[in-house]
Amino acid sequence: MSRNPKSPGPISSGAIPASIRDRSIVLVGLMGSGKSTIGRRLAQRLGMRFADADDEIERAAGMTISDMFARFGEAHFRDGERRVIARLLGEKPMVLATGGGAFVNEETRALILQGSLCIWLDADIPTLVERVGRRSHRPLLKNRDPGEVLRELAAIRNPLYAEAHIRVSSASTPHDHTVRAILEALSKWENP
């Protein structure tokens, strides 16, 4: 099987500090910031496993996140989300994409900050609105204006996302630009 020349292969483990190689990398940020897409590409470049917390939650619950929100409410969903993230962080190091609200939960945030290297993918509202408009599965956007919802969420969540170890802009450029920016930040990051 031939490799796509535009798709770079894994980087050498020496390019990433030893303090990072033995821990999971967790991506946080608002919906539409690219956590899943960028996470998959980052995992490939690092030669690590990738997991999407939302997919893992749906698999564990046997239903979609939209169904969980509708049947049990957000508080029930957040509790299950925390348990799934704790389980994933207890496994072999990986790149983990979280749902936009996961980091808001104080217990989940503490788990992530203590047990992994946390990266905030920060994007402006117009970029987020354009990206979330591509899919219609997001319960918090149901019957609401995406720009209004995202501005409200950013006001509440961005101060919490700012607790992440690293902040990287997820602009409206190709995702590989963001992956390169993360790799550069990782190569320079030192555990305080």
C-alpha atoms as a PDB file:
ATOM      1  CA  MET A   1       0.000   0.000   0.000  1.00  0.00           C
ATOM      2  CA  SER A   2       1.516   3.330  -1.001  1.00  0.00           C
ATOM      3  CA  ARG A   3       1.556   6.342   1.246  1.00  0.00           C
ATOM      4  CA  ASN A   4      -0.012   9.613   0.205  1.00  0.00           C
ATOM      5  CA  PRO A   5       2.963  11.960  -0.293  1.00  0.00           C
ATOM      6  CA  LYS A   6       0.925  14.852   1.145  1.00  0.00           C
ATOM      7  CA  SER A   7       0.260  12.886   4.342  1.00  0.00           C
ATOM      8  CA  PRO A   8       3.399  13.021   6.482  1.00  0.00           C
ATOM      9  CA  GLY A   9       4.291   9.909   8.400  1.00  0.00           C
ATOM     10  CA  PRO A  10       5.023   9.621  12.101  1.00  0.00           C
ATOM     11  CA  ILE A  11       7.707  11.895  13.465  1.00  0.00           C
ATOM     12  CA  SER A  12      10.654  10.488  15.347  1.00  0.00           C
ATOM     13  CA  SER A  13      10.024  10.072  19.058  1.00  0.00           C
ATOM     14  CA  GLY A  14      13.160  12.117  19.729  1.00  0.00           C
ATOM     15  CA  ALA A  15      11.401  15.216  18.354  1.00  0.00           C
ATOM     16  CA  ILE A  16       9.025  15.152  21.315  1.00  0.00           C
ATOM     17  CA  PRO A  17      10.423  15.622  24.839  1.00  0.00           C
ATOM     18  CA  ALA A  18      10.593  12.479  26.991  1.00  0.00           C
ATOM     19  CA  SER A  19       8.269  14.085  29.560  1.00  0.00           C
ATOM     20  CA  ILE A  20       5.494  14.026  26.946  1.00  0.00           C
ATOM     21  CA  ARG A  21       5.884  10.591  25.362  1.00  0.00           C
ATOM     22  CA  ASP A  22       4.579   8.730  28.396  1.00  0.00           C
ATOM     23  CA  ARG A  23       1.310  10.600  28.823  1.00  0.00           C
ATOM     24  CA  SER A  24      -1.870  11.129  26.867  1.00  0.00           C
ATOM     25  CA  ILE A  25      -2.456  14.331  24.942  1.00  0.00           C
ATOM     26  CA  VAL A  26      -5.979  15.665  25.449  1.00  0.00           C
ATOM     27  CA  LEU A  27      -7.529  18.202  23.090  1.00  0.00           C
ATOM     28  CA  VAL A  28     -10.111  20.609  24.504  1.00  0.00           C
ATOM     29  CA  GLY A  29     -12.018  23.500  22.956  1.00  0.00           C
ATOM     30  CA  LEU A  30     -15.402  24.602  21.705  1.00  0.00           C
ATOM     31  CA  MET A  31     -17.411  22.521  19.272  1.00  0.00           C
ATOM     32  CA  GLY A  32     -16.036  23.053  15.787  1.00  0.00           C
ATOM     33  CA  SER A  33     -12.483  23.757  16.932  1.00  0.00           C
ATOM     34  CA  GLY A  34     -11.321  20.607  15.134  1.00  0.00           C
ATOM     35  CA  LYS A  35     -10.533  18.355  18.087  1.00  0.00           C
ATOM     36  CA  SER A  36     -11.510  15.102  16.353  1.00  0.00           C
ATOM     37  CA  THR A  37     -10.074  15.828  12.911  1.00  0.00           C
ATOM     38  CA  ILE A  38      -6.883  17.381  14.218  1.00  0.00           C
ATOM     39  CA  GLY A  39      -6.619  14.711  16.910  1.00  0.00           C
ATOM     40  CA  ARG A  40      -6.632  11.902  14.347  1.00  0.00           C
ATOM     41  CA  ARG A  41      -3.904  13.604  12.323  1.00  0.00           C
ATOM     42  CA  LEU A  42      -1.855  14.422  15.403  1.00  0.00           C
ATOM     43  CA  ALA A  43      -2.065  10.814  16.627  1.00  0.00           C
ATOM     44  CA  GLN A  44      -0.872   9.588  13.234  1.00  0.00           C
ATOM     45  CA  ARG A  45       2.087  11.978  13.291  1.00  0.00           C
ATOM     46  CA  LEU A  46       3.007  10.960  16.844  1.00  0.00           C
ATOM     47  CA  GLY A  47       2.480   7.244  16.191  1.00  0.00           C
ATOM     48  CA  MET A  48      -0.089   7.137  19.012  1.00  0.00           C
ATOM     49  CA  ARG A  49      -3.580   5.704  19.308  1.00  0.00           C
ATOM     50  CA  PHE A  50      -6.467   8.141  18.815  1.00  0.00           C
ATOM     51  CA  ALA A  51      -9.749   8.126  20.725  1.00  0.00           C
ATOM     52  CA  ASP A  52     -12.746  10.416  20.521  1.00  0.00           C
ATOM     53  CA  ALA A  53     -14.417  10.694  23.941  1.00  0.00           C
ATOM     54  CA  ASP A  54     -17.848  11.265  22.369  1.00  0.00           C
ATOM     55  CA  ASP A  55     -17.562   8.057  20.299  1.00  0.00           C
ATOM     56  CA  GLU A  56     -16.435   6.135  23.383  1.00  0.00           C
ATOM     57  CA  ILE A  57     -19.353   7.527  25.422  1.00  0.00           C
ATOM     58  CA  GLU A  58     -21.853   6.522  22.740  1.00  0.00           C
ATOM     59  CA  ARG A  59     -20.351   3.046  22.548  1.00  0.00           C
ATOM     60  CA  ALA A  60     -20.473   2.623  26.355  1.00  0.00           C
ATOM     61  CA  ALA A  61     -24.066   3.906  26.608  1.00  0.00           C
ATOM     62  CA  GLY A  62     -25.391   2.191  23.493  1.00  0.00           C
ATOM     63  CA  MET A  63     -27.033   5.407  22.306  1.00  0.00           C
ATOM     64  CA  THR A  64     -26.173   8.734  20.713  1.00  0.00           C
ATOM     65  CA  ILE A  65     -25.212  11.785  22.729  1.00  0.00           C
ATOM     66  CA  SER A  66     -28.326  13.563  21.416  1.00  0.00           C
ATOM     67  CA  ASP A  67     -30.458  10.698  22.770  1.00  0.00           C
ATOM     68  CA  MET A  68     -28.656  10.835  26.144  1.00  0.00           C
ATOM     69  CA  PHE A  69     -29.293  14.591  26.406  1.00  0.00           C
ATOM     70  CA  ALA A  70     -32.965  14.119  25.464  1.00  0.00           C
ATOM     71  CA  ARG A  71     -33.646  11.136  27.743  1.00  0.00           C
ATOM     72  CA  PHE A  72     -31.485  11.844  30.786  1.00  0.00           C
ATOM     73  CA  GLY A  73     -30.335  15.475  30.606  1.00  0.00           C
ATOM     74  CA  GLU A  74     -26.929  17.111  30.476  1.00  0.00           C
ATOM     75  CA  ALA A  75     -25.959  16.357  34.110  1.00  0.00           C
ATOM     76  CA  HIS A  76     -26.321  12.597  33.543  1.00  0.00           C
ATOM     77  CA  PHE A  77     -24.348  12.849  30.308  1.00  0.00           C
ATOM     78  CA  ARG A  78     -21.514  14.819  31.987  1.00  0.00           C
ATOM     79  CA  ASP A  79     -21.212  12.192  34.726  1.00  0.00           C
ATOM     80  CA  GLY A  80     -20.844   9.422  32.140  1.00  0.00           C
ATOM     81  CA  GLU A  81     -18.426  11.573  30.169  1.00  0.00           C
ATOM     82  CA  ARG A  82     -16.208  12.022  33.247  1.00  0.00           C
ATOM     83  CA  ARG A  83     -16.143   8.251  33.884  1.00  0.00           C
ATOM     84  CA  VAL A  84     -15.257   7.452  30.266  1.00  0.00           C
ATOM     85  CA  ILE A  85     -12.477  10.068  30.159  1.00  0.00           C
ATOM     86  CA  ALA A  86     -11.059   8.727  33.450  1.00  0.00           C
ATOM     87  CA  ARG A  87     -11.022   5.209  31.981  1.00  0.00           C
ATOM     88  CA  LEU A  88      -9.334   6.364  28.776  1.00  0.00           C
ATOM     89  CA  LEU A  89      -6.675   8.333  30.661  1.00  0.00           C
ATOM     90  CA  GLY A  90      -5.903   5.162  32.623  1.00  0.00           C
ATOM     91  CA  GLU A  91      -5.006   3.331  29.416  1.00  0.00           C
ATOM     92  CA  LYS A  92      -1.856   3.455  27.299  1.00  0.00           C
ATOM     93  CA  PRO A  93      -0.982   7.042  26.248  1.00  0.00           C
ATOM     94  CA  MET A  94      -3.094   8.319  23.346  1.00  0.00           C
ATOM     95  CA  VAL A  95      -4.374  11.455  21.699  1.00  0.00           C
ATOM     96  CA  LEU A  96      -7.862  12.054  23.090  1.00  0.00           C
ATOM     97  CA  ALA A  97     -10.415  14.454  21.621  1.00  0.00           C
ATOM     98  CA  THR A  98     -12.994  15.545  24.199  1.00  0.00           C
ATOM     99  CA  GLY A  99     -16.443  17.005  23.776  1.00  0.00           C
ATOM    100  CA  GLY A 100     -16.650  20.784  24.038  1.00  0.00           C
ATOM    101  CA  GLY A 101     -18.183  20.730  27.523  1.00  0.00           C
ATOM    102  CA  ALA A 102     -15.999  18.042  29.107  1.00  0.00           C
ATOM    103  CA  PHE A 103     -13.385  20.482  30.415  1.00  0.00           C
ATOM    104  CA  VAL A 104     -16.067  22.614  32.086  1.00  0.00           C
ATOM    105  CA  ASN A 105     -16.757  19.884  34.650  1.00  0.00           C
ATOM    106  CA  GLU A 106     -14.395  20.553  37.566  1.00  0.00           C
ATOM    107  CA  GLU A 107     -13.646  16.866  38.239  1.00  0.00           C
ATOM    108  CA  THR A 108     -13.064  16.093  34.570  1.00  0.00           C
ATOM    109  CA  ARG A 109     -10.849  19.160  34.182  1.00  0.00           C
ATOM    110  CA  ALA A 110      -8.736  18.107  37.195  1.00  0.00           C
ATOM    111  CA  LEU A 111      -8.399  14.567  35.771  1.00  0.00           C
ATOM    112  CA  ILE A 112      -7.228  15.925  32.433  1.00  0.00           C
ATOM    113  CA  LEU A 113      -4.809  18.479  33.869  1.00  0.00           C
ATOM    114  CA  GLN A 114      -3.233  15.985  36.279  1.00  0.00           C
ATOM    115  CA  GLY A 115      -3.156  12.927  34.041  1.00  0.00           C
ATOM    116  CA  SER A 116      -2.276  14.256  30.613  1.00  0.00           C
ATOM    117  CA  LEU A 117      -0.903  17.086  28.548  1.00  0.00           C
ATOM    118  CA  CYS A 118      -3.864  19.307  27.715  1.00  0.00           C
ATOM    119  CA  ILE A 119      -4.026  21.393  24.530  1.00  0.00           C
ATOM    120  CA  TRP A 120      -6.690  24.043  23.937  1.00  0.00           C
ATOM    121  CA  LEU A 121      -7.635  24.370  20.272  1.00  0.00           C
ATOM    122  CA  ASP A 122      -8.824  27.963  20.136  1.00  0.00           C
ATOM    123  CA  ALA A 123     -10.789  29.230  17.137  1.00  0.00           C
ATOM    124  CA  ASP A 124     -12.697  32.432  16.433  1.00  0.00           C
ATOM    125  CA  ILE A 125     -16.507  32.423  16.346  1.00  0.00           C
ATOM    126  CA  PRO A 126     -16.898  32.833  12.540  1.00  0.00           C
ATOM    127  CA  THR A 127     -14.630  29.809  11.966  1.00  0.00           C
ATOM    128  CA  LEU A 128     -16.569  27.769  14.531  1.00  0.00           C
ATOM    129  CA  VAL A 129     -19.939  28.757  13.026  1.00  0.00           C
ATOM    130  CA  GLU A 130     -18.770  27.711   9.554  1.00  0.00           C
ATOM    131  CA  ARG A 131     -17.490  24.365  10.854  1.00  0.00           C
ATOM    132  CA  VAL A 132     -20.499  23.434  13.011  1.00  0.00           C
ATOM    133  CA  GLY A 133     -22.807  24.244  10.104  1.00  0.00           C
ATOM    134  CA  ARG A 134     -21.455  21.172   8.295  1.00  0.00           C
ATOM    135  CA  ARG A 135     -23.133  18.760  10.738  1.00  0.00           C
ATOM    136  CA  SER A 136     -26.459  18.790  12.559  1.00  0.00           C
ATOM    137  CA  HIS A 137     -25.860  16.413  15.490  1.00  0.00           C
ATOM    138  CA  ARG A 138     -24.995  18.917  18.220  1.00  0.00           C
ATOM    139  CA  PRO A 139     -27.626  18.995  21.003  1.00  0.00           C
ATOM    140  CA  LEU A 140     -26.655  22.452  22.294  1.00  0.00           C
ATOM    141  CA  LEU A 141     -27.367  23.985  18.870  1.00  0.00           C
ATOM    142  CA  LYS A 142     -30.797  22.436  18.406  1.00  0.00           C
ATOM    143  CA  ASN A 143     -33.246  25.151  17.273  1.00  0.00           C
ATOM    144  CA  ARG A 144     -30.786  27.958  18.112  1.00  0.00           C
ATOM    145  CA  ASP A 145     -28.539  30.356  16.227  1.00  0.00           C
ATOM    146  CA  PRO A 146     -25.031  28.765  16.197  1.00  0.00           C
ATOM    147  CA  GLY A 147     -23.230  32.121  16.436  1.00  0.00           C
ATOM    148  CA  GLU A 148     -25.241  33.167  19.484  1.00  0.00           C
ATOM    149  CA  VAL A 149     -24.734  29.792  21.204  1.00  0.00           C
ATOM    150  CA  LEU A 150     -20.995  29.765  20.473  1.00  0.00           C
ATOM    151  CA  ARG A 151     -20.531  33.321  21.776  1.00  0.00           C
ATOM    152  CA  GLU A 152     -22.364  32.368  24.994  1.00  0.00           C
ATOM    153  CA  LEU A 153     -20.295  29.186  25.377  1.00  0.00           C
ATOM    154  CA  ALA A 154     -17.024  31.011  24.661  1.00  0.00           C
ATOM    155  CA  ALA A 155     -17.763  33.568  27.388  1.00  0.00           C
ATOM    156  CA  ILE A 156     -18.200  30.765  29.934  1.00  0.00           C
ATOM    157  CA  ARG A 157     -15.731  28.157  28.694  1.00  0.00           C
ATOM    158  CA  ASN A 158     -12.732  30.071  27.320  1.00  0.00           C
ATOM    159  CA  PRO A 159     -11.509  31.109  30.802  1.00  0.00           C
ATOM    160  CA  LEU A 160     -11.564  27.402  31.737  1.00  0.00           C
ATOM    161  CA  TYR A 161      -9.897  26.271  28.496  1.00  0.00           C
ATOM    162  CA  ALA A 162      -7.168  28.811  29.306  1.00  0.00           C
ATOM    163  CA  GLU A 163      -6.078  26.455  32.129  1.00  0.00           C
ATOM    164  CA  ALA A 164      -4.801  24.010  29.471  1.00  0.00           C
ATOM    165  CA  HIS A 165      -1.047  23.456  29.384  1.00  0.00           C
ATOM    166  CA  ILE A 166      -0.782  24.652  25.766  1.00  0.00           C
ATOM    167  CA  ARG A 167      -2.979  26.914  23.610  1.00  0.00           C
ATOM    168  CA  VAL A 168      -2.914  26.572  19.821  1.00  0.00           C
ATOM    169  CA  SER A 169      -4.946  28.546  17.310  1.00  0.00           C
ATOM    170  CA  SER A 170      -7.225  26.420  15.148  1.00  0.00           C
ATOM    171  CA  ALA A 171      -7.761  28.944  12.387  1.00  0.00           C
ATOM    172  CA  SER A 172      -9.604  28.503   9.115  1.00  0.00           C
ATOM    173  CA  THR A 173      -6.399  27.215   7.521  1.00  0.00           C
ATOM    174  CA  PRO A 174      -5.937  23.538   6.602  1.00  0.00           C
ATOM    175  CA  HIS A 175      -5.913  21.261   9.659  1.00  0.00           C
ATOM    176  CA  ASP A 176      -2.342  20.180   8.908  1.00  0.00           C
ATOM    177  CA  HIS A 177      -1.216  23.743   9.764  1.00  0.00           C
ATOM    178  CA  THR A 178      -2.745  23.318  13.224  1.00  0.00           C
ATOM    179  CA  VAL A 179      -1.133  19.884  13.612  1.00  0.00           C
ATOM    180  CA  ARG A 180       2.257  21.407  12.769  1.00  0.00           C
ATOM    181  CA  ALA A 181       1.665  24.200  15.294  1.00  0.00           C
ATOM    182  CA  ILE A 182       0.858  21.587  17.969  1.00  0.00           C
ATOM    183  CA  LEU A 183       3.974  19.570  17.128  1.00  0.00           C
ATOM    184  CA  GLU A 184       6.079  22.717  17.364  1.00  0.00           C
ATOM    185  CA  ALA A 185       4.525  23.616  20.734  1.00  0.00           C
ATOM    186  CA  LEU A 186       5.099  20.057  21.992  1.00  0.00           C
ATOM    187  CA  SER A 187       8.741  20.127  20.937  1.00  0.00           C
ATOM    188  CA  LYS A 188       9.272  23.251  23.060  1.00  0.00           C
ATOM    189  CA  TRP A 189       7.017  22.396  25.994  1.00  0.00           C
ATOM    190  CA  GLU A 190       8.600  21.835  29.367  1.00  0.00           C
ATOM    191  CA  ASN A 191       6.696  20.494  32.323  1.00  0.00           C
ATOM    192  CA  PRO A 192       6.719  23.331  34.874  1.00  0.00           C
END
